PDB file of N, CA and C in Angstrom:
ATOM      1  N   MET A   1       0.865  -1.199   0.001  1.00  0.00           N
ATOM      2  CA  MET A   1       0.031   0.054   0.022  1.00  0.00           C
ATOM      3  C   MET A   1       0.947   1.197   0.020  1.00  0.00           C
ATOM      4  N   THR A   2       0.523   2.218  -0.843  1.00  0.00           N
ATOM      5  CA  THR A   2       1.428   3.368  -0.906  1.00  0.00           C
ATOM      6  C   THR A   2       0.877   4.426   0.230  1.00  0.00           C
ATOM      7  N   SER A   3       1.874   5.064   0.683  1.00  0.00           N
ATOM      8  CA  SER A   3       1.585   6.060   1.679  1.00  0.00           C
ATOM      9  C   SER A   3       1.137   7.340   1.130  1.00  0.00           C
ATOM     10  N   ASN A   4       0.123   7.914   1.701  1.00  0.00           N
ATOM     11  CA  ASN A   4      -0.471   9.217   1.284  1.00  0.00           C
ATOM     12  C   ASN A   4      -0.138  10.191   2.366  1.00  0.00           C
ATOM     13  N   THR A   5      -0.139  11.481   1.820  1.00  0.00           N
ATOM     14  CA  THR A   5       0.307  12.515   2.850  1.00  0.00           C
ATOM     15  C   THR A   5      -0.861  12.742   3.716  1.00  0.00           C
ATOM     16  N   ASN A   6      -2.067  12.507   3.329  1.00  0.00           N
ATOM     17  CA  ASN A   6      -3.301  12.863   4.121  1.00  0.00           C
ATOM     18  C   ASN A   6      -3.836  11.553   4.811  1.00  0.00           C
ATOM     19  N   ASN A   7      -3.033  10.342   4.700  1.00  0.00           N
ATOM     20  CA  ASN A   7      -3.315   9.116   5.496  1.00  0.00           C
ATOM     21  C   ASN A   7      -4.850   8.649   5.121  1.00  0.00           C
ATOM     22  N   LEU A   8      -5.243   8.919   3.800  1.00  0.00           N
ATOM     23  CA  LEU A   8      -6.465   8.231   3.463  1.00  0.00           C
ATOM     24  C   LEU A   8      -6.278   6.908   2.918  1.00  0.00           C
ATOM     25  N   PRO A   9      -7.217   5.845   3.145  1.00  0.00           N
ATOM     26  CA  PRO A   9      -7.069   4.750   2.420  1.00  0.00           C
ATOM     27  C   PRO A   9      -7.327   4.819   1.023  1.00  0.00           C
ATOM     28  N   PRO A  10      -6.992   3.805   0.129  1.00  0.00           N
ATOM     29  CA  PRO A  10      -7.162   3.851  -1.246  1.00  0.00           C
ATOM     30  C   PRO A  10      -8.713   4.114  -1.439  1.00  0.00           C
ATOM     31  N   GLN A  11      -9.053   4.613  -2.680  1.00  0.00           N
ATOM     32  CA  GLN A  11     -10.449   4.819  -2.998  1.00  0.00           C
ATOM     33  C   GLN A  11     -11.258   3.619  -2.985  1.00  0.00           C
ATOM     34  N   ARG A  12     -10.777   2.585  -3.335  1.00  0.00           N
ATOM     35  CA  ARG A  12     -11.572   1.321  -3.397  1.00  0.00           C
ATOM     36  C   ARG A  12     -11.896   0.890  -1.893  1.00  0.00           C
ATOM     37  N   MET A  13     -11.267   1.408  -0.915  1.00  0.00           N
ATOM     38  CA  MET A  13     -11.498   0.999   0.555  1.00  0.00           C
ATOM     39  C   MET A  13     -12.230   2.134   1.306  1.00  0.00           C
ATOM     40  N   ARG A  14     -12.505   3.273   0.722  1.00  0.00           N
ATOM     41  CA  ARG A  14     -13.090   4.280   1.444  1.00  0.00           C
ATOM     42  C   ARG A  14     -14.466   4.031   1.953  1.00  0.00           C
ATOM     43  N   ASP A  15     -15.218   3.231   1.359  1.00  0.00           N
ATOM     44  CA  ASP A  15     -16.633   2.989   1.672  1.00  0.00           C
ATOM     45  C   ASP A  15     -16.789   1.703   2.521  1.00  0.00           C
ATOM     46  N   TYR A  16     -15.651   1.079   2.962  1.00  0.00           N
ATOM     47  CA  TYR A  16     -15.744  -0.124   3.758  1.00  0.00           C
ATOM     48  C   TYR A  16     -16.128   0.212   5.112  1.00  0.00           C
ATOM     49  N   ARG A  17     -16.800  -0.672   5.847  1.00  0.00           N
ATOM     50  CA  ARG A  17     -17.356  -0.361   7.108  1.00  0.00           C
ATOM     51  C   ARG A  17     -16.957  -1.640   8.030  1.00  0.00           C
ATOM     52  N   ILE A  18     -16.367  -1.307   9.136  1.00  0.00           N
ATOM     53  CA  ILE A  18     -15.877  -2.385  10.033  1.00  0.00           C
ATOM     54  C   ILE A  18     -16.850  -2.404  11.209  1.00  0.00           C
ATOM     55  N   GLU A  19     -17.478  -3.485  11.508  1.00  0.00           N
ATOM     56  CA  GLU A  19     -18.417  -3.754  12.632  1.00  0.00           C
ATOM     57  C   GLU A  19     -17.834  -4.826  13.568  1.00  0.00           C
ATOM     58  N   ALA A  20     -18.023  -4.578  14.842  1.00  0.00           N
ATOM     59  CA  ALA A  20     -17.624  -5.681  15.708  1.00  0.00           C
ATOM     60  C   ALA A  20     -18.873  -5.821  16.660  1.00  0.00           C
ATOM     61  N   GLU A  21     -19.075  -7.130  17.032  1.00  0.00           N
ATOM     62  CA  GLU A  21     -20.148  -7.422  17.892  1.00  0.00           C
ATOM     63  C   GLU A  21     -19.419  -8.079  19.262  1.00  0.00           C
ATOM     64  N   LEU A  22     -19.936  -7.543  20.275  1.00  0.00           N
ATOM     65  CA  LEU A  22     -19.566  -8.088  21.570  1.00  0.00           C
ATOM     66  C   LEU A  22     -20.098  -9.417  21.898  1.00  0.00           C
ATOM     67  N   ARG A  23     -19.300 -10.411  22.346  1.00  0.00           N
ATOM     68  CA  ARG A  23     -19.830 -11.666  22.484  1.00  0.00           C
ATOM     69  C   ARG A  23     -19.840 -11.830  24.011  1.00  0.00           C
ATOM     70  N   ASP A  24     -20.908 -12.776  24.382  1.00  0.00           N
ATOM     71  CA  ASP A  24     -21.049 -13.051  25.847  1.00  0.00           C
ATOM     72  C   ASP A  24     -19.779 -13.692  26.472  1.00  0.00           C
ATOM     73  N   SER A  25     -19.227 -14.600  25.736  1.00  0.00           N
ATOM     74  CA  SER A  25     -17.952 -15.271  26.190  1.00  0.00           C
ATOM     75  C   SER A  25     -16.887 -15.319  25.056  1.00  0.00           C
ATOM     76  N   PRO A  26     -15.770 -14.491  25.396  1.00  0.00           N
ATOM     77  CA  PRO A  26     -14.858 -14.446  24.251  1.00  0.00           C
ATOM     78  C   PRO A  26     -14.065 -15.882  24.236  1.00  0.00           C
ATOM     79  N   ASP A  27     -13.562 -16.233  22.927  1.00  0.00           N
ATOM     80  CA  ASP A  27     -12.981 -17.486  22.716  1.00  0.00           C
ATOM     81  C   ASP A  27     -11.450 -17.234  23.164  1.00  0.00           C
ATOM     82  N   LEU A  28     -11.141 -17.341  24.492  1.00  0.00           N
ATOM     83  CA  LEU A  28      -9.970 -17.191  25.001  1.00  0.00           C
ATOM     84  C   LEU A  28      -8.955 -18.326  24.550  1.00  0.00           C
ATOM     85  N   HIS A  29      -9.537 -19.519  24.388  1.00  0.00           N
ATOM     86  CA  HIS A  29      -8.671 -20.649  24.049  1.00  0.00           C
ATOM     87  C   HIS A  29      -8.192 -20.469  22.637  1.00  0.00           C
ATOM     88  N   LYS A  30      -8.979 -20.010  21.739  1.00  0.00           N
ATOM     89  CA  LYS A  30      -8.551 -19.743  20.372  1.00  0.00           C
ATOM     90  C   LYS A  30      -7.470 -18.646  20.363  1.00  0.00           C
ATOM     91  N   LEU A  31      -7.761 -17.626  21.111  1.00  0.00           N
ATOM     92  CA  LEU A  31      -6.772 -16.534  21.211  1.00  0.00           C
ATOM     93  C   LEU A  31      -5.391 -16.982  21.701  1.00  0.00           C
ATOM     94  N   ALA A  32      -5.479 -17.802  22.740  1.00  0.00           N
ATOM     95  CA  ALA A  32      -4.259 -18.277  23.331  1.00  0.00           C
ATOM     96  C   ALA A  32      -3.444 -19.081  22.261  1.00  0.00           C
ATOM     97  N   GLN A  33      -4.276 -19.934  21.547  1.00  0.00           N
ATOM     98  CA  GLN A  33      -3.619 -20.726  20.483  1.00  0.00           C
ATOM     99  C   GLN A  33      -2.872 -19.915  19.401  1.00  0.00           C
ATOM    100  N   VAL A  34      -3.501 -18.681  19.092  1.00  0.00           N
ATOM    101  CA  VAL A  34      -2.919 -17.779  18.075  1.00  0.00           C
ATOM    102  C   VAL A  34      -1.609 -17.275  18.676  1.00  0.00           C
ATOM    103  N   PHE A  35      -1.577 -16.784  19.970  1.00  0.00           N
ATOM    104  CA  PHE A  35      -0.440 -16.244  20.543  1.00  0.00           C
ATOM    105  C   PHE A  35       0.729 -17.394  20.600  1.00  0.00           C
ATOM    106  N   ILE A  36       0.319 -18.552  21.099  1.00  0.00           N
ATOM    107  CA  ILE A  36       1.227 -19.645  21.215  1.00  0.00           C
ATOM    108  C   ILE A  36       1.919 -19.971  19.773  1.00  0.00           C
ATOM    109  N   GLY A  37       1.016 -20.022  18.805  1.00  0.00           N
ATOM    110  CA  GLY A  37       1.548 -20.273  17.457  1.00  0.00           C
ATOM    111  C   GLY A  37       2.501 -19.154  17.005  1.00  0.00           C
ATOM    112  N   MET A  38       2.125 -17.836  17.224  1.00  0.00           N
ATOM    113  CA  MET A  38       3.067 -16.798  16.946  1.00  0.00           C
ATOM    114  C   MET A  38       4.508 -16.939  17.665  1.00  0.00           C
ATOM    115  N   ALA A  39       4.451 -17.226  18.920  1.00  0.00           N
ATOM    116  CA  ALA A  39       5.620 -17.515  19.674  1.00  0.00           C
ATOM    117  C   ALA A  39       6.448 -18.600  19.144  1.00  0.00           C
ATOM    118  N   GLN A  40       5.645 -19.675  18.898  1.00  0.00           N
ATOM    119  CA  GLN A  40       6.512 -20.854  18.341  1.00  0.00           C
ATOM    120  C   GLN A  40       7.135 -20.535  17.002  1.00  0.00           C
ATOM    121  N   ALA A  41       6.464 -19.831  16.121  1.00  0.00           N
ATOM    122  CA  ALA A  41       7.068 -19.491  14.843  1.00  0.00           C
ATOM    123  C   ALA A  41       8.220 -18.492  14.996  1.00  0.00           C
ATOM    124  N   ARG A  42       8.052 -17.528  15.905  1.00  0.00           N
ATOM    125  CA  ARG A  42       9.174 -16.671  16.075  1.00  0.00           C
ATOM    126  C   ARG A  42      10.539 -17.404  16.640  1.00  0.00           C
ATOM    127  N   ALA A  43      10.217 -18.284  17.563  1.00  0.00           N
ATOM    128  CA  ALA A  43      11.277 -19.015  18.207  1.00  0.00           C
ATOM    129  C   ALA A  43      11.867 -20.027  17.156  1.00  0.00           C
ATOM    130  N   ALA A  44      11.205 -20.690  16.176  1.00  0.00           N
ATOM    131  CA  ALA A  44      11.672 -21.497  15.309  1.00  0.00           C
ATOM    132  C   ALA A  44      12.587 -20.658  14.346  1.00  0.00           C
ATOM    133  N   ASN A  45      12.093 -19.415  13.950  1.00  0.00           N
ATOM    134  CA  ASN A  45      12.891 -18.636  12.995  1.00  0.00           C
ATOM    135  C   ASN A  45      14.118 -18.160  13.736  1.00  0.00           C
ATOM    136  N   GLU A  46      14.055 -17.799  14.988  1.00  0.00           N
ATOM    137  CA  GLU A  46      15.349 -17.364  15.643  1.00  0.00           C
ATOM    138  C   GLU A  46      16.307 -18.582  15.789  1.00  0.00           C
ATOM    139  N   HIS A  47      15.780 -19.745  16.077  1.00  0.00           N
ATOM    140  CA  HIS A  47      16.540 -20.872  16.169  1.00  0.00           C
ATOM    141  C   HIS A  47      17.249 -21.210  14.866  1.00  0.00           C
ATOM    142  N   ARG A  48      16.570 -21.198  13.725  1.00  0.00           N
ATOM    143  CA  ARG A  48      17.155 -21.470  12.364  1.00  0.00           C
ATOM    144  C   ARG A  48      18.208 -20.367  12.086  1.00  0.00           C
ATOM    145  N   ALA A  49      17.929 -19.140  12.464  1.00  0.00           N
ATOM    146  CA  ALA A  49      18.878 -18.122  12.122  1.00  0.00           C
ATOM    147  C   ALA A  49      20.210 -18.337  12.935  1.00  0.00           C
ATOM    148  N   HIS A  50      20.145 -18.804  14.199  1.00  0.00           N
ATOM    149  CA  HIS A  50      21.266 -19.007  14.963  1.00  0.00           C
ATOM    150  C   HIS A  50      22.028 -20.210  14.809  1.00  0.00           C
ATOM    151  N   THR A  51      21.328 -21.277  14.350  1.00  0.00           N
ATOM    152  CA  THR A  51      21.962 -22.674  14.132  1.00  0.00           C
ATOM    153  C   THR A  51      22.433 -22.786  12.624  1.00  0.00           C
ATOM    154  N   ALA A  52      22.020 -22.018  11.767  1.00  0.00           N
ATOM    155  CA  ALA A  52      22.507 -22.194  10.309  1.00  0.00           C
ATOM    156  C   ALA A  52      23.799 -21.627  10.322  1.00  0.00           C
ATOM    157  N   PRO A  53      24.627 -22.438   9.601  1.00  0.00           N
ATOM    158  CA  PRO A  53      26.074 -21.874   9.397  1.00  0.00           C
ATOM    159  C   PRO A  53      26.117 -20.621   8.485  1.00  0.00           C
ATOM    160  N   GLN A  54      26.834 -19.605   8.950  1.00  0.00           N
ATOM    161  CA  GLN A  54      26.905 -18.324   8.262  1.00  0.00           C
ATOM    162  C   GLN A  54      27.564 -18.549   6.868  1.00  0.00           C
ATOM    163  N   ASN A  55      28.669 -19.337   6.617  1.00  0.00           N
ATOM    164  CA  ASN A  55      29.226 -19.606   5.348  1.00  0.00           C
ATOM    165  C   ASN A  55      29.466 -21.065   5.311  1.00  0.00           C
ATOM    166  N   PRO A  56      28.503 -21.801   4.774  1.00  0.00           N
ATOM    167  CA  PRO A  56      28.703 -23.330   4.676  1.00  0.00           C
ATOM    168  C   PRO A  56      29.925 -23.643   3.871  1.00  0.00           C
ATOM    169  N   PRO A  57      30.606 -24.623   4.230  1.00  0.00           N
ATOM    170  CA  PRO A  57      31.837 -25.045   3.376  1.00  0.00           C
ATOM    171  C   PRO A  57      31.365 -25.466   2.114  1.00  0.00           C
ATOM    172  N   ALA A  58      32.126 -25.196   1.093  1.00  0.00           N
ATOM    173  CA  ALA A  58      31.911 -25.408  -0.312  1.00  0.00           C
ATOM    174  C   ALA A  58      32.491 -26.923  -0.621  1.00  0.00           C
ATOM    175  N   VAL A  59      31.698 -27.714  -1.232  1.00  0.00           N
ATOM    176  CA  VAL A  59      32.025 -28.958  -1.498  1.00  0.00           C
ATOM    177  C   VAL A  59      32.332 -29.157  -2.964  1.00  0.00           C
ATOM    178  N   ASP A  60      33.626 -29.616  -3.345  1.00  0.00           N
ATOM    179  CA  ASP A  60      33.980 -29.710  -4.633  1.00  0.00           C
ATOM    180  C   ASP A  60      34.064 -31.169  -4.957  1.00  0.00           C
ATOM    181  N   ASP A  61      33.115 -31.752  -5.781  1.00  0.00           N
ATOM    182  CA  ASP A  61      33.115 -33.081  -6.048  1.00  0.00           C
ATOM    183  C   ASP A  61      34.314 -33.519  -6.995  1.00  0.00           C
ATOM    184  N   ALA A  62      35.065 -32.695  -7.624  1.00  0.00           N
ATOM    185  CA  ALA A  62      36.186 -32.916  -8.496  1.00  0.00           C
ATOM    186  C   ALA A  62      37.243 -33.447  -7.645  1.00  0.00           C
ATOM    187  N   ASP A  63      37.322 -33.108  -6.381  1.00  0.00           N
ATOM    188  CA  ASP A  63      38.482 -33.491  -5.474  1.00  0.00           C
ATOM    189  C   ASP A  63      38.297 -34.829  -4.924  1.00  0.00           C
ATOM    190  N   HIS A  64      37.157 -35.438  -4.982  1.00  0.00           N
ATOM    191  CA  HIS A  64      36.951 -36.721  -4.354  1.00  0.00           C
ATOM    192  C   HIS A  64      36.674 -37.738  -5.465  1.00  0.00           C
ATOM    193  N   ASP A  65      37.297 -38.947  -5.196  1.00  0.00           N
ATOM    194  CA  ASP A  65      37.142 -40.131  -6.091  1.00  0.00           C
ATOM    195  C   ASP A  65      35.944 -40.867  -5.624  1.00  0.00           C
ATOM    196  N   VAL A  66      35.054 -41.246  -6.445  1.00  0.00           N
ATOM    197  CA  VAL A  66      33.995 -42.126  -6.211  1.00  0.00           C
ATOM    198  C   VAL A  66      34.129 -43.514  -6.635  1.00  0.00           C
ATOM    199  N   GLU A  67      34.025 -44.428  -5.835  1.00  0.00           N
ATOM    200  CA  GLU A  67      34.209 -45.789  -6.229  1.00  0.00           C
ATOM    201  C   GLU A  67      32.732 -46.395  -6.637  1.00  0.00           C
ATOM    202  N   SER A  68      32.627 -47.161  -7.708  1.00  0.00           N
ATOM    203  CA  SER A  68      31.461 -47.802  -8.008  1.00  0.00           C
ATOM    204  C   SER A  68      31.548 -49.246  -7.907  1.00  0.00           C
TER     205      SER A  68
END
């Protein structure tokens, strides 16, 4: 989305209307699952970033003899 100097949404979105309905009992279990999923995804990304070798060694197949 491009930024406007007057912070108006694009023309196609200017007539959208957002409505929210208050529920008697919020679905806290589903909300907790969303937050847990976000935390697990973030942890997995950080783990991959820290465990991946920065410069993996290059393997040159020409230097190795293969027996058949």
